[in-house]
């Protein structure tokens, strides 16, 4: 965990300016966001399990990107990674806790193993990141954390019996933490994407309305992270519909979902 994307720009005694840390940065939104931020001049620390994929991403901008391989389900390794990033490159000013996975699960293939695996990655992976980051940001009285959940956490959706609960848990977690973070000077933001064209959404066995190119999603996420809003959603046309659907009674909600997803 020494930033094998290249030589450190400064020794621990002369730390460089702050950096953005992105988990789940080897593909999908995380990778696209890392590239977008680096192209805009930001210094980015990238974490994911795949060293090969991270290395390929770092080659896009080796002077602004550094890789820190990490399995976010490993609590000790997550704490050590945050410490390594700050030791070599200065304080993490901004973190995007984006690591996650998706396995479709319905009645026919219902499995506690699948549910547990997704909860460990999608939910506990974020918890481990927050545990490592928040005390440091609290001590500095500043910092920004964006937690990537999903509109799948708003209400239940077909084949999301394992995935949706992890995202619902993240939404509740961020809502619960926000008042404390506000008092500590930490900007906590909740990111709830709709359908974005990534390797994960490619696993969905149903039509995905308003499917958004991943580069567009990364640009919008980066733009909205500059604001002070709590929740960031995209694509707006689709996420507005999902927000309205949260208010529907079940007798209207379930027929609407069946029609929309063809299930």
Protein backbone atom coordinates (compact mmCIF):
# COMPACT_ATOMS: atom_id res chain seq x y z
CA UNK A 1 0.00 0.00 0.00
CA UNK A 2 2.74 2.44 -1.01
CA UNK A 3 1.24 4.06 -4.09
CA UNK A 4 2.78 1.76 -6.67
CA UNK A 5 1.49 3.98 -9.48
CA UNK A 6 4.83 5.83 -9.27
CA UNK A 7 7.25 7.59 -6.98
CA UNK A 8 5.80 9.59 -4.13
CA UNK A 9 5.87 13.31 -4.86
CA UNK A 10 7.01 14.15 -1.36
CA UNK A 11 8.35 12.40 1.67
CA UNK A 12 6.24 12.13 4.84
CA UNK A 13 8.01 15.15 6.31
CA UNK A 14 6.91 17.36 3.41
CA UNK A 15 3.41 16.29 2.60
CA UNK A 16 1.80 17.33 -0.64
CA UNK A 17 -1.59 19.05 -0.78
CA UNK A 18 -4.75 17.07 -0.13
CA UNK A 19 -6.04 14.34 -2.36
CA UNK A 20 -9.25 12.64 -3.46
CA UNK A 21 -9.58 8.96 -2.53
CA UNK A 22 -11.91 6.77 -4.58
CA UNK A 23 -12.76 3.16 -3.75
CA UNK A 24 -14.10 0.84 -6.41
CA UNK A 25 -11.92 2.78 -8.84
CA UNK A 26 -11.00 -0.06 -11.20
CA UNK A 27 -14.20 0.08 -13.29
CA UNK A 28 -17.57 1.75 -13.72
CA UNK A 29 -18.37 5.06 -12.07
CA UNK A 30 -15.28 4.96 -9.85
CA UNK A 31 -12.88 4.62 -12.76
CA UNK A 32 -14.67 7.23 -14.89
CA UNK A 33 -14.72 9.67 -11.97
CA UNK A 34 -11.02 9.17 -11.27
CA UNK A 35 -10.17 9.92 -14.90
CA UNK A 36 -12.47 12.95 -14.98
CA UNK A 37 -11.01 14.43 -11.80
CA UNK A 38 -7.41 13.80 -12.86
CA UNK A 39 -8.09 15.42 -16.24
CA UNK A 40 -9.31 18.44 -14.28
CA UNK A 41 -6.08 18.66 -12.30
CA UNK A 42 -6.97 16.76 -9.12
CA UNK A 43 -4.62 14.31 -7.44
CA UNK A 44 -6.40 10.99 -6.99
CA UNK A 45 -5.69 7.88 -4.90
CA UNK A 46 -7.40 4.85 -6.38
CA UNK A 47 -8.39 1.71 -4.50
CA UNK A 48 -9.90 -1.57 -5.63
CA UNK A 49 -9.02 -5.24 -5.44
CA UNK A 50 -7.71 -5.61 -9.00
CA UNK A 51 -4.13 -4.38 -9.24
CA UNK A 52 -4.16 -5.01 -12.99
CA UNK A 53 -7.24 -2.85 -13.60
CA UNK A 54 -5.99 -0.10 -11.28
CA UNK A 55 -2.63 -0.06 -13.04
CA UNK A 56 -4.35 0.34 -16.40
CA UNK A 57 -6.38 3.26 -15.04
CA UNK A 58 -3.34 4.98 -13.52
CA UNK A 59 -1.62 4.92 -16.92
CA UNK A 60 -4.21 7.45 -18.10
CA UNK A 61 -2.64 10.11 -15.87
CA UNK A 62 0.37 8.71 -13.98
CA UNK A 63 1.41 12.12 -12.71
CA UNK A 64 -1.92 12.66 -10.93
CA UNK A 65 -3.04 9.15 -10.00
CA UNK A 66 -1.65 6.65 -7.49
CA UNK A 67 -2.98 3.19 -6.82
CA UNK A 68 -3.59 1.65 -3.39
CA UNK A 69 -4.95 -1.89 -3.85
CA UNK A 70 -7.57 -2.71 -1.23
CA UNK A 71 -10.32 -5.16 -0.39
CA UNK A 72 -12.78 -2.91 1.46
CA UNK A 73 -14.19 -5.88 3.38
CA UNK A 74 -10.86 -5.95 5.27
CA UNK A 75 -11.29 -3.50 8.13
CA UNK A 76 -7.62 -3.45 9.16
CA UNK A 77 -6.39 -3.02 5.58
CA UNK A 78 -8.81 -0.14 5.02
CA UNK A 79 -7.48 1.74 8.04
CA UNK A 80 -3.91 1.06 6.92
CA UNK A 81 -4.66 2.28 3.39
CA UNK A 82 -6.06 5.61 4.62
CA UNK A 83 -3.01 6.04 6.83
CA UNK A 84 -0.68 5.26 3.92
CA UNK A 85 -2.37 7.74 1.59
CA UNK A 86 -2.17 10.52 4.18
CA UNK A 87 1.40 9.65 5.16
CA UNK A 88 2.72 9.96 1.64
CA UNK A 89 0.39 12.39 -0.13
CA UNK A 90 -1.14 14.57 2.55
CA UNK A 91 -4.66 14.69 3.98
CA UNK A 92 -7.57 13.11 2.17
CA UNK A 93 -9.69 16.17 1.51
CA UNK A 94 -12.37 14.25 -0.34
CA UNK A 95 -13.35 10.57 -0.41
CA UNK A 96 -15.78 8.78 -2.67
CA UNK A 97 -16.76 5.47 -1.09
CA UNK A 98 -17.93 3.77 -4.24
CA UNK A 99 -16.82 0.13 -4.00
CA UNK A 100 -19.71 -2.25 -4.53
CA UNK A 101 -20.94 -5.30 -6.31
CA UNK A 102 -24.22 -6.66 -7.58
CA UNK A 103 -25.59 -10.15 -7.96
CA UNK A 104 -29.19 -10.48 -9.15
CA UNK A 105 -31.20 -12.53 -6.70
CA UNK A 106 -34.85 -13.52 -6.90
CA UNK A 107 -37.05 -16.22 -5.43
CA UNK A 108 -35.54 -18.95 -7.60
CA UNK A 109 -31.95 -18.32 -6.49
CA UNK A 110 -32.47 -16.83 -3.04
CA UNK A 111 -29.31 -17.35 -1.01
CA UNK A 112 -28.08 -16.15 2.37
CA UNK A 113 -24.52 -16.44 1.04
CA UNK A 114 -25.27 -13.94 -1.73
CA UNK A 115 -26.98 -11.55 0.67
CA UNK A 116 -24.09 -11.75 3.14
CA UNK A 117 -21.44 -11.20 0.45
CA UNK A 118 -23.15 -8.10 -0.90
CA UNK A 119 -23.67 -6.70 2.59
CA UNK A 120 -19.98 -7.18 3.39
CA UNK A 121 -18.85 -5.36 0.24
CA UNK A 122 -21.53 -2.72 -0.30
CA UNK A 123 -22.37 -1.80 3.29
CA UNK A 124 -19.51 -2.86 5.56
CA UNK A 125 -16.99 -1.73 2.95
CA UNK A 126 -18.37 1.80 3.35
CA UNK A 127 -18.49 1.46 7.15
CA UNK A 128 -14.82 0.49 7.18
CA UNK A 129 -13.98 3.52 5.04
CA UNK A 130 -15.93 5.86 7.28
CA UNK A 131 -14.33 4.43 10.39
CA UNK A 132 -10.89 5.16 8.94
CA UNK A 133 -11.72 8.61 7.55
CA UNK A 134 -14.07 10.35 9.94
CA UNK A 135 -11.80 10.62 13.01
CA UNK A 136 -9.10 12.21 10.86
CA UNK A 137 -11.50 14.66 9.25
CA UNK A 138 -13.11 15.44 12.59
CA UNK A 139 -9.70 16.24 14.09
CA UNK A 140 -9.00 18.62 11.19
CA UNK A 141 -12.50 20.13 11.33
CA UNK A 142 -12.99 19.64 7.60
CA UNK A 143 -13.38 17.05 4.86
CA UNK A 144 -15.84 15.67 2.36
CA UNK A 145 -17.20 12.15 1.95
CA UNK A 146 -19.54 10.97 -0.79
CA UNK A 147 -21.15 7.58 -0.21
CA UNK A 148 -22.41 5.85 -3.34
CA UNK A 149 -25.71 4.09 -2.67
CA UNK A 150 -28.41 3.63 -5.34
CA UNK A 151 -32.04 4.35 -6.12
CA UNK A 152 -32.40 0.59 -5.60
CA UNK A 153 -32.35 1.50 -1.91
CA UNK A 154 -35.50 3.62 -2.19
CA UNK A 155 -37.90 0.68 -2.56
CA UNK A 156 -37.72 -2.99 -3.47
CA UNK A 157 -37.06 -3.86 -7.11
CA UNK A 158 -37.16 -7.20 -8.96
CA UNK A 159 -33.96 -9.32 -8.71
CA UNK A 160 -32.50 -6.82 -6.18
CA UNK A 161 -33.33 -8.83 -3.06
CA UNK A 162 -29.64 -8.92 -2.10
CA UNK A 163 -28.46 -5.63 -3.61
CA UNK A 164 -31.31 -3.30 -2.65
CA UNK A 165 -31.09 -3.84 1.13
CA UNK A 166 -27.39 -2.92 1.12
CA UNK A 167 -28.17 0.39 -0.56
CA UNK A 168 -31.14 1.08 1.71
CA UNK A 169 -28.79 0.58 4.65
CA UNK A 170 -26.35 3.11 3.20
CA UNK A 171 -29.10 5.68 2.74
CA UNK A 172 -30.17 5.28 6.37
CA UNK A 173 -26.56 5.38 7.54
CA UNK A 174 -25.87 8.68 5.79
CA UNK A 175 -29.12 10.24 6.99
CA UNK A 176 -28.19 9.23 10.54
CA UNK A 177 -24.64 10.58 10.34
CA UNK A 178 -25.31 13.85 8.56
CA UNK A 179 -26.21 16.02 11.59
CA UNK A 180 -23.07 14.93 13.43
CA UNK A 181 -20.93 15.46 10.34
CA UNK A 182 -22.38 18.94 9.87
CA UNK A 183 -21.39 19.88 13.41
CA UNK A 184 -17.88 18.50 12.83
CA UNK A 185 -17.37 20.47 9.61
CA UNK A 186 -17.49 17.35 7.43
CA UNK A 187 -19.56 17.51 4.25
CA UNK A 188 -21.31 14.14 3.92
CA UNK A 189 -23.10 13.47 0.65
CA UNK A 190 -25.29 10.60 -0.47
CA UNK A 191 -25.07 9.50 -4.11
CA UNK A 192 -28.06 7.59 -5.49
CA UNK A 193 -27.55 6.77 -9.17
CA UNK A 194 -30.20 5.30 -11.39
CA UNK A 195 -29.16 3.02 -14.23
CA UNK A 196 -25.61 3.77 -15.41
CA UNK A 197 -23.93 1.78 -18.15
CA UNK A 198 -21.34 -0.20 -16.15
CA UNK A 199 -20.28 -3.85 -15.87
CA UNK A 200 -22.58 -4.22 -12.86
CA UNK A 201 -25.75 -3.00 -14.56
CA UNK A 202 -24.93 -5.26 -17.50
CA UNK A 203 -25.98 -8.12 -15.22
CA UNK A 204 -29.56 -6.87 -14.99
CA UNK A 205 -31.92 -9.20 -16.88
CA UNK A 206 -34.52 -6.49 -17.61
CA UNK A 207 -34.76 -3.28 -19.66
CA UNK A 208 -33.16 -0.31 -17.90
CA UNK A 209 -34.92 3.01 -18.56
CA UNK A 210 -32.83 6.15 -19.05
CA UNK A 211 -29.57 4.18 -19.05
CA UNK A 212 -26.82 6.78 -18.62
CA UNK A 213 -23.31 6.60 -20.16
CA UNK A 214 -20.76 6.20 -17.37
CA UNK A 215 -18.71 9.22 -18.50
CA UNK A 216 -21.80 11.44 -18.24
CA UNK A 217 -22.52 10.07 -14.78
CA UNK A 218 -18.96 10.81 -13.65
CA UNK A 219 -19.15 14.40 -14.91
CA UNK A 220 -22.45 15.01 -13.16
CA UNK A 221 -21.22 13.46 -9.94
CA UNK A 222 -18.09 15.59 -9.96
CA UNK A 223 -20.09 18.76 -10.65
CA UNK A 224 -22.62 18.11 -7.89
CA UNK A 225 -19.95 17.21 -5.37
CA UNK A 226 -18.81 20.82 -5.66
CA UNK A 227 -22.19 21.93 -4.26
CA UNK A 228 -23.49 21.65 -0.74
CA UNK A 229 -26.53 19.46 -1.44
CA UNK A 230 -26.89 16.28 0.59
CA UNK A 231 -28.26 13.91 -2.04
CA UNK A 232 -26.85 13.57 -5.56
CA UNK A 233 -28.93 11.66 -8.11
CA UNK A 234 -28.67 10.97 -11.83
CA UNK A 235 -30.10 10.69 -14.42
CA UNK A 236 -32.56 13.23 -13.07
CA UNK A 237 -35.56 12.26 -15.18
CA UNK A 238 -35.44 8.68 -13.92
CA UNK A 239 -34.53 9.39 -10.30
CA UNK A 240 -37.41 11.87 -9.97
CA UNK A 241 -39.79 9.08 -10.94
CA UNK A 242 -38.28 6.78 -8.32
CA UNK A 243 -38.62 9.47 -5.67
CA UNK A 244 -42.31 9.80 -6.50
CA UNK A 245 -42.69 6.02 -6.46
CA UNK A 246 -41.54 5.98 -2.83
CA UNK A 247 -44.79 7.75 -1.95
CA UNK A 248 -47.10 5.33 -3.72
CA UNK A 249 -49.17 2.78 -1.81
CA UNK A 250 -48.24 -0.84 -2.49
CA UNK A 251 -51.41 -1.48 -4.50
CA UNK A 252 -50.13 1.04 -7.05
CA UNK A 253 -46.40 0.50 -6.65
CA UNK A 254 -46.17 -3.20 -7.49
CA UNK A 255 -48.18 -3.03 -10.76
CA UNK A 256 -46.08 -0.04 -11.81
CA UNK A 257 -42.83 -1.92 -11.19
CA UNK A 258 -44.05 -4.98 -13.09
CA UNK A 259 -44.93 -2.81 -16.07
CA UNK A 260 -41.70 -0.83 -15.97
CA UNK A 261 -39.36 -3.82 -15.67
CA UNK A 262 -41.33 -6.40 -17.63
CA UNK A 263 -41.18 -8.84 -14.73
